Protein backbone atom coordinates (compact mmCIF):
# COMPACT_ATOMS: atom_id res chain seq x y z
CA MET A 1 0.09 0.25 0.61
CA LYS A 2 1.02 3.19 -1.39
CA PHE A 3 0.74 7.07 1.28
CA SER A 4 0.93 10.10 0.00
CA LYS A 5 0.44 13.92 1.44
CA ILE A 6 -2.12 15.88 0.16
CA THR A 7 0.13 19.16 0.61
CA ARG A 8 -2.34 22.74 1.28
CA LYS A 9 -2.46 23.35 -2.28
CA GLY A 10 -4.67 20.36 -3.08
CA GLN A 11 -1.89 18.37 -4.93
CA VAL A 12 0.21 14.61 -4.00
CA THR A 13 2.66 13.37 -5.50
CA VAL A 14 2.03 9.99 -6.90
CA PRO A 15 4.78 6.74 -6.06
CA LYS A 16 6.98 6.66 -8.96
CA ARG A 17 5.35 3.25 -9.04
CA ILE A 18 0.99 4.28 -9.68
CA ARG A 19 2.52 6.10 -12.08
CA ASN A 20 4.26 3.73 -13.99
CA ILE A 21 1.21 1.57 -13.51
CA LEU A 22 -1.07 4.22 -14.94
CA GLY A 23 0.65 4.20 -18.06
CA SER A 24 -0.24 8.24 -18.27
CA GLN A 25 0.22 12.02 -17.78
CA ILE A 26 -3.18 12.40 -17.46
CA VAL A 27 -5.51 10.67 -15.00
CA GLU A 28 -9.68 10.76 -14.02
CA PHE A 29 -10.81 11.01 -10.42
CA VAL A 30 -14.00 8.55 -10.32
CA ILE A 31 -15.88 8.94 -7.90
CA THR A 32 -17.85 5.75 -5.97
CA ASP A 33 -19.53 4.53 -2.95
CA SER A 34 -16.15 2.69 -1.72
CA GLY A 35 -14.08 6.47 -2.16
CA VAL A 36 -12.35 7.41 -4.96
CA MET A 37 -10.65 6.50 -7.97
CA ILE A 38 -7.94 7.71 -10.02
CA LYS A 39 -7.99 5.94 -13.80
CA PRO A 40 -5.36 6.78 -16.39
CA VAL A 41 -6.34 8.62 -19.18
CA GLU A 42 -5.72 7.55 -23.09
CA SER A 43 -6.30 10.90 -25.56
CA VAL A 44 -6.94 14.21 -23.92
CA ALA A 45 -8.94 14.03 -26.63
CA GLY A 46 -12.06 13.00 -25.75
CA SER A 47 -11.80 15.28 -22.41
CA LEU A 48 -11.71 18.13 -24.43
CA GLY A 49 -14.09 17.85 -27.16
CA ARG A 50 -17.15 19.39 -24.70
CA TYR A 51 -14.23 22.76 -25.90
CA ALA A 52 -14.40 20.99 -30.41
CA GLY A 53 -14.97 24.95 -32.52
CA LYS A 54 -16.13 27.03 -29.53
CA SER A 55 -12.59 28.59 -29.67
CA LYS A 56 -12.93 32.98 -29.48
CA ALA A 57 -10.88 35.82 -29.20
CA PHE A 58 -7.67 36.18 -26.98
CA ASN A 59 -9.58 39.54 -26.45
CA LYS A 60 -12.90 38.21 -25.95
CA ILE A 61 -12.04 35.32 -23.89
CA ARG A 62 -10.27 37.97 -21.60
CA GLU A 63 -13.37 40.36 -21.71
CA ASP A 64 -15.64 37.43 -20.93
CA VAL A 65 -13.26 36.19 -17.89
CA TRP A 66 -13.46 39.34 -16.41
CA LYS A 67 -17.11 39.65 -16.21
CA GLU A 68 -17.03 36.34 -14.24
CA VAL A 69 -14.79 37.41 -11.65
CA ALA A 70 -16.76 41.35 -11.22
CA GLU A 71 -19.95 38.55 -10.67
CA GLU A 72 -17.79 36.46 -8.76
CA LYS A 73 -16.75 39.17 -6.32
CA GLY A 74 -19.49 41.26 -6.34
CA THR A 75 -21.94 38.78 -4.89
CA ARG A 76 -20.24 38.16 -2.21
């Protein structure tokens, strides 16, 4: 059994043996009835598919983010 501490930033070090078993640098966390399972992600293309065709100009993205942050700050 391998253990790892969660840092204040929510990070953990995955032991080398487990990284080798996963075989991927991208993982998915799956919540189950008995805990949390870490699964390797073979291709990020599938997990990023929802963003396909939705590209925006950088200035539009920056404007949207500023609006979102302003709204969040205003509700607190």
